[in-house]
C-alpha cells in the first residue's frame, strides 16, 4: 500500500542544459516533516515524452555525486511516494508521459552497473504504487534502471524501452 508523500512545490523550469534530446528540466522541492530535510527533485523532459526523475537531499547539493548520496533519514518510502506524486502531477499535464528512474551507485555498491542498492529500493516501491492501470514497469537490472512505460501512449513497449536503454547507456 502506498504511503502518503510530503507536500511539494513546483519551483520552475530550467532550459540551460537543453539539447536535441533533453528539452527542459522541471524543478520541485519538498521538506520531510519527519526529519526536516529538504529535497530537490529534477524531472528532465526528453524527446518522445520521456521524463527522467532525479532527486537529492539539499544538504548534498554542492557534493559531486549528489544523486548517489544517502540522507540517512530512514524514510525512503515517504520520499519515494513524494517523487511518485510529482511524476503523477506531470502525467496529469502530459498524458503521454513515460518515466525513467536510474539508481545512482555509490562507493558501497559492489558493481555500479548491476542492481545497486538505490535501484533495488526503487524497484521495490514501484511495484507498490498502484499505477499498473497507467504504466507497465520495466526493470533493467543490468543498468539499475526502472522505466514506467505509458500504456496508452506506447504501442511497441519493448522497442521503446530498448531505445531508452540505448540512449542512456
Foldseek 3Di string as FASTA:
>chain_A
DADAAFDKDWDAKAQPPDDQFWGIWTWMKGADPQPRWIKIWIWTATPQQETEIFMATPVCPVPVVRRQDDPPSPPVRRHVSNVVVVVVVVCVVPVQHKYKYFHQHDPVFPDRQAQHPSLVVVVVNVVVPPCVVAFDWDQDRRRSMIITHGPVNDDPVVVVVVVVVVVVD
